[in-house]
């Protein structure tokens, strides 16, 4: 197998990636903004978010969802920073925060994934993959894992 780089990342600290039919959404942990690129790496737009220490991104239900992992170390403090881990439901065009949900276990988060009206979350307290309903955010399933620092 031969690996090659098709294009360079559009941001300083990519820390989350989500694709749909036309675009690629890249979470930048340095700015906590989302770079939306085409499949050739050209930047279509940049979505400013209130995410803090962004560590995961998904698209689903017509929304952008970001994993906010608490205290940001890569950038300066912003008035919207809470230093708490949240999952943000954002307007996919503007980045405006529509809702936020605490992580199910109250701990850190290093990945989220949309799954037909549900969201998979990496949990730290205890280490698990957690499935929640995207509307009520009620836990549906928890699968314990042994990975030291869950990602993805």
C-alpha atoms as a PDB file:
ATOM      1  CA  UNK A   1       0.000   0.000   0.000  1.00  0.00           C
ATOM      2  CA  UNK A   2       1.276   3.438  -0.887  1.00  0.00           C
ATOM      3  CA  UNK A   3       0.187   6.448   1.156  1.00  0.00           C
ATOM      4  CA  UNK A   4       0.198   9.965  -0.177  1.00  0.00           C
ATOM      5  CA  UNK A   5      -1.004  13.364   0.879  1.00  0.00           C
ATOM      6  CA  UNK A   6      -3.620  14.843  -1.447  1.00  0.00           C
ATOM      7  CA  UNK A   7      -3.582  18.245   0.281  1.00  0.00           C
ATOM      8  CA  UNK A   8      -2.426  19.911   3.470  1.00  0.00           C
ATOM      9  CA  UNK A   9      -4.860  20.444   6.352  1.00  0.00           C
ATOM     10  CA  UNK A  10      -6.724  23.759   6.171  1.00  0.00           C
ATOM     11  CA  UNK A  11      -5.946  24.616   9.789  1.00  0.00           C
ATOM     12  CA  UNK A  12      -3.253  24.464  12.457  1.00  0.00           C
ATOM     13  CA  UNK A  13      -4.567  21.665  14.716  1.00  0.00           C
ATOM     14  CA  UNK A  14      -7.116  19.446  12.963  1.00  0.00           C
ATOM     15  CA  UNK A  15      -8.848  17.413  15.661  1.00  0.00           C
ATOM     16  CA  UNK A  16     -12.038  16.084  14.136  1.00  0.00           C
ATOM     17  CA  UNK A  17     -13.178  15.205  10.641  1.00  0.00           C
ATOM     18  CA  UNK A  18     -16.603  14.617   9.099  1.00  0.00           C
ATOM     19  CA  UNK A  19     -17.543  14.171   5.453  1.00  0.00           C
ATOM     20  CA  UNK A  20     -20.816  14.360   3.604  1.00  0.00           C
ATOM     21  CA  UNK A  21     -21.536  14.084  -0.126  1.00  0.00           C
ATOM     22  CA  UNK A  22     -20.042  17.455  -1.001  1.00  0.00           C
ATOM     23  CA  UNK A  23     -17.918  18.800   1.842  1.00  0.00           C
ATOM     24  CA  UNK A  24     -15.434  17.893   4.541  1.00  0.00           C
ATOM     25  CA  UNK A  25     -15.800  19.510   7.979  1.00  0.00           C
ATOM     26  CA  UNK A  26     -12.539  19.906   9.922  1.00  0.00           C
ATOM     27  CA  UNK A  27     -12.536  20.856  13.632  1.00  0.00           C
ATOM     28  CA  UNK A  28      -9.536  23.046  14.422  1.00  0.00           C
ATOM     29  CA  UNK A  29      -8.474  22.694  18.050  1.00  0.00           C
ATOM     30  CA  UNK A  30      -6.258  25.783  17.773  1.00  0.00           C
ATOM     31  CA  UNK A  31      -9.050  28.244  16.904  1.00  0.00           C
ATOM     32  CA  UNK A  32     -12.053  26.021  17.764  1.00  0.00           C
ATOM     33  CA  UNK A  33     -13.535  26.937  14.412  1.00  0.00           C
ATOM     34  CA  UNK A  34     -14.692  24.543  11.713  1.00  0.00           C
ATOM     35  CA  UNK A  35     -13.056  24.670   8.302  1.00  0.00           C
ATOM     36  CA  UNK A  36     -15.370  23.441   5.569  1.00  0.00           C
ATOM     37  CA  UNK A  37     -13.425  22.259   2.543  1.00  0.00           C
ATOM     38  CA  UNK A  38     -14.162  20.582  -0.760  1.00  0.00           C
ATOM     39  CA  UNK A  39     -12.684  17.222  -1.710  1.00  0.00           C
ATOM     40  CA  UNK A  40      -9.640  18.945  -3.202  1.00  0.00           C
ATOM     41  CA  UNK A  41      -8.810  20.744   0.050  1.00  0.00           C
ATOM     42  CA  UNK A  42     -10.075  24.190  -0.991  1.00  0.00           C
ATOM     43  CA  UNK A  43     -11.672  26.147   1.854  1.00  0.00           C
ATOM     44  CA  UNK A  44     -15.363  26.808   1.131  1.00  0.00           C
ATOM     45  CA  UNK A  45     -16.006  28.630   4.394  1.00  0.00           C
ATOM     46  CA  UNK A  46     -14.957  28.895   8.020  1.00  0.00           C
ATOM     47  CA  UNK A  47     -17.593  28.470  10.717  1.00  0.00           C
ATOM     48  CA  UNK A  48     -16.839  30.313  13.963  1.00  0.00           C
ATOM     49  CA  UNK A  49     -17.996  28.301  16.987  1.00  0.00           C
ATOM     50  CA  UNK A  50     -18.139  28.698  20.762  1.00  0.00           C
ATOM     51  CA  UNK A  51     -16.555  25.265  21.104  1.00  0.00           C
ATOM     52  CA  UNK A  52     -13.735  25.147  23.659  1.00  0.00           C
ATOM     53  CA  UNK A  53     -10.858  22.721  23.097  1.00  0.00           C
ATOM     54  CA  UNK A  54     -12.633  21.150  20.108  1.00  0.00           C
ATOM     55  CA  UNK A  55     -12.122  17.429  19.977  1.00  0.00           C
ATOM     56  CA  UNK A  56     -14.573  15.873  17.561  1.00  0.00           C
ATOM     57  CA  UNK A  57     -17.218  16.824  15.040  1.00  0.00           C
ATOM     58  CA  UNK A  58     -20.182  15.266  13.316  1.00  0.00           C
ATOM     59  CA  UNK A  59     -22.978  16.319  10.991  1.00  0.00           C
ATOM     60  CA  UNK A  60     -26.518  15.006  11.327  1.00  0.00           C
ATOM     61  CA  UNK A  61     -30.171  15.941  11.448  1.00  0.00           C
ATOM     62  CA  UNK A  62     -29.364  19.125   9.538  1.00  0.00           C
ATOM     63  CA  UNK A  63     -26.997  20.324  12.272  1.00  0.00           C
ATOM     64  CA  UNK A  64     -23.304  20.547  13.075  1.00  0.00           C
ATOM     65  CA  UNK A  65     -22.320  18.917  16.377  1.00  0.00           C
ATOM     66  CA  UNK A  66     -18.999  19.674  18.092  1.00  0.00           C
ATOM     67  CA  UNK A  67     -17.260  18.036  21.025  1.00  0.00           C
ATOM     68  CA  UNK A  68     -16.135  20.749  23.429  1.00  0.00           C
ATOM     69  CA  UNK A  69     -13.542  19.175  25.706  1.00  0.00           C
ATOM     70  CA  UNK A  70     -13.279  21.911  28.334  1.00  0.00           C
ATOM     71  CA  UNK A  71     -10.390  24.267  29.066  1.00  0.00           C
ATOM     72  CA  UNK A  72      -8.703  25.446  25.864  1.00  0.00           C
ATOM     73  CA  UNK A  73      -4.940  25.555  26.018  1.00  0.00           C
ATOM     74  CA  UNK A  74      -4.125  26.370  22.383  1.00  0.00           C
ATOM     75  CA  UNK A  75      -5.840  29.760  22.297  1.00  0.00           C
ATOM     76  CA  UNK A  76      -6.659  32.666  24.597  1.00  0.00           C
ATOM     77  CA  UNK A  77      -9.734  32.686  26.825  1.00  0.00           C
ATOM     78  CA  UNK A  78     -13.024  33.813  25.266  1.00  0.00           C
ATOM     79  CA  UNK A  79     -16.079  35.050  27.168  1.00  0.00           C
ATOM     80  CA  UNK A  80     -18.058  32.003  25.954  1.00  0.00           C
ATOM     81  CA  UNK A  81     -15.564  29.542  27.505  1.00  0.00           C
ATOM     82  CA  UNK A  82     -16.987  27.497  30.388  1.00  0.00           C
ATOM     83  CA  UNK A  83     -14.093  25.054  31.004  1.00  0.00           C
ATOM     84  CA  UNK A  84     -16.730  22.295  31.032  1.00  0.00           C
ATOM     85  CA  UNK A  85     -17.093  19.474  28.512  1.00  0.00           C
ATOM     86  CA  UNK A  86     -20.187  19.992  26.318  1.00  0.00           C
ATOM     87  CA  UNK A  87     -21.632  18.727  23.096  1.00  0.00           C
ATOM     88  CA  UNK A  88     -22.825  21.666  21.027  1.00  0.00           C
ATOM     89  CA  UNK A  89     -25.642  21.519  18.484  1.00  0.00           C
ATOM     90  CA  UNK A  90     -24.857  24.288  15.993  1.00  0.00           C
ATOM     91  CA  UNK A  91     -26.450  25.856  12.963  1.00  0.00           C
ATOM     92  CA  UNK A  92     -24.606  24.188  10.078  1.00  0.00           C
ATOM     93  CA  UNK A  93     -24.322  27.446   8.086  1.00  0.00           C
ATOM     94  CA  UNK A  94     -23.646  30.081  10.768  1.00  0.00           C
ATOM     95  CA  UNK A  95     -22.188  28.127  13.689  1.00  0.00           C
ATOM     96  CA  UNK A  96     -24.716  29.713  16.061  1.00  0.00           C
ATOM     97  CA  UNK A  97     -25.212  27.588  19.163  1.00  0.00           C
ATOM     98  CA  UNK A  98     -28.733  26.156  19.238  1.00  0.00           C
ATOM     99  CA  UNK A  99     -28.372  23.814  22.217  1.00  0.00           C
ATOM    100  CA  UNK A 100     -25.696  22.294  24.376  1.00  0.00           C
ATOM    101  CA  UNK A 101     -25.629  19.075  26.317  1.00  0.00           C
ATOM    102  CA  UNK A 102     -23.244  17.982  29.072  1.00  0.00           C
ATOM    103  CA  UNK A 103     -21.276  14.859  28.310  1.00  0.00           C
ATOM    104  CA  UNK A 104     -23.256  11.865  29.642  1.00  0.00           C
ATOM    105  CA  UNK A 105     -20.548  10.929  32.119  1.00  0.00           C
ATOM    106  CA  UNK A 106     -19.489  14.475  33.067  1.00  0.00           C
ATOM    107  CA  UNK A 107     -15.984  13.806  31.763  1.00  0.00           C
ATOM    108  CA  UNK A 108     -13.919  14.655  28.723  1.00  0.00           C
ATOM    109  CA  UNK A 109     -14.816  13.895  25.141  1.00  0.00           C
ATOM    110  CA  UNK A 110     -12.565  13.052  22.193  1.00  0.00           C
ATOM    111  CA  UNK A 111     -15.022  12.035  19.522  1.00  0.00           C
ATOM    112  CA  UNK A 112     -18.646  12.049  18.376  1.00  0.00           C
ATOM    113  CA  UNK A 113     -20.447  10.400  15.478  1.00  0.00           C
ATOM    114  CA  UNK A 114     -23.991  10.786  14.113  1.00  0.00           C
ATOM    115  CA  UNK A 115     -25.966   7.544  13.723  1.00  0.00           C
ATOM    116  CA  UNK A 116     -29.507   8.026  12.328  1.00  0.00           C
ATOM    117  CA  UNK A 117     -30.930  10.288  15.046  1.00  0.00           C
ATOM    118  CA  UNK A 118     -28.512   9.155  17.692  1.00  0.00           C
ATOM    119  CA  UNK A 119     -24.982  10.233  18.617  1.00  0.00           C
ATOM    120  CA  UNK A 120     -22.066   8.034  19.674  1.00  0.00           C
ATOM    121  CA  UNK A 121     -19.769   9.710  22.218  1.00  0.00           C
ATOM    122  CA  UNK A 122     -16.406   8.709  23.635  1.00  0.00           C
ATOM    123  CA  UNK A 123     -16.755   8.661  27.419  1.00  0.00           C
ATOM    124  CA  UNK A 124     -13.998   8.945  30.004  1.00  0.00           C
ATOM    125  CA  UNK A 125     -15.825   8.349  33.279  1.00  0.00           C
ATOM    126  CA  UNK A 126     -15.741   5.284  32.989  1.00  0.00           C
ATOM    127  CA  UNK A 127     -14.096   4.717  29.625  1.00  0.00           C
ATOM    128  CA  UNK A 128     -16.913   3.781  27.268  1.00  0.00           C
ATOM    129  CA  UNK A 129     -18.648   4.391  23.978  1.00  0.00           C
ATOM    130  CA  UNK A 130     -21.989   5.976  24.819  1.00  0.00           C
ATOM    131  CA  UNK A 131     -24.996   6.173  22.499  1.00  0.00           C
ATOM    132  CA  UNK A 132     -27.513   8.956  23.199  1.00  0.00           C
ATOM    133  CA  UNK A 133     -30.724  10.146  21.582  1.00  0.00           C
ATOM    134  CA  UNK A 134     -29.953  13.371  19.653  1.00  0.00           C
ATOM    135  CA  UNK A 135     -33.179  15.073  20.793  1.00  0.00           C
ATOM    136  CA  UNK A 136     -33.528  14.134  24.471  1.00  0.00           C
ATOM    137  CA  UNK A 137     -29.854  13.298  25.018  1.00  0.00           C
ATOM    138  CA  UNK A 138     -30.943  10.323  27.102  1.00  0.00           C
ATOM    139  CA  UNK A 139     -28.460   7.477  27.217  1.00  0.00           C
ATOM    140  CA  UNK A 140     -29.469   4.481  25.110  1.00  0.00           C
ATOM    141  CA  UNK A 141     -26.427   2.257  25.420  1.00  0.00           C
ATOM    142  CA  UNK A 142     -22.995   2.222  27.078  1.00  0.00           C
ATOM    143  CA  UNK A 143     -20.210  -0.086  25.904  1.00  0.00           C
ATOM    144  CA  UNK A 144     -17.194  -0.284  28.246  1.00  0.00           C
ATOM    145  CA  UNK A 145     -13.817  -0.096  26.481  1.00  0.00           C
ATOM    146  CA  UNK A 146     -10.246  -0.619  27.609  1.00  0.00           C
ATOM    147  CA  UNK A 147      -8.609   2.085  25.491  1.00  0.00           C
ATOM    148  CA  UNK A 148      -6.626   4.429  27.750  1.00  0.00           C
ATOM    149  CA  UNK A 149      -7.651   7.673  26.008  1.00  0.00           C
ATOM    150  CA  UNK A 150     -10.627   7.030  23.709  1.00  0.00           C
ATOM    151  CA  UNK A 151     -10.554   8.952  20.414  1.00  0.00           C
ATOM    152  CA  UNK A 152     -12.597   9.045  17.258  1.00  0.00           C
END
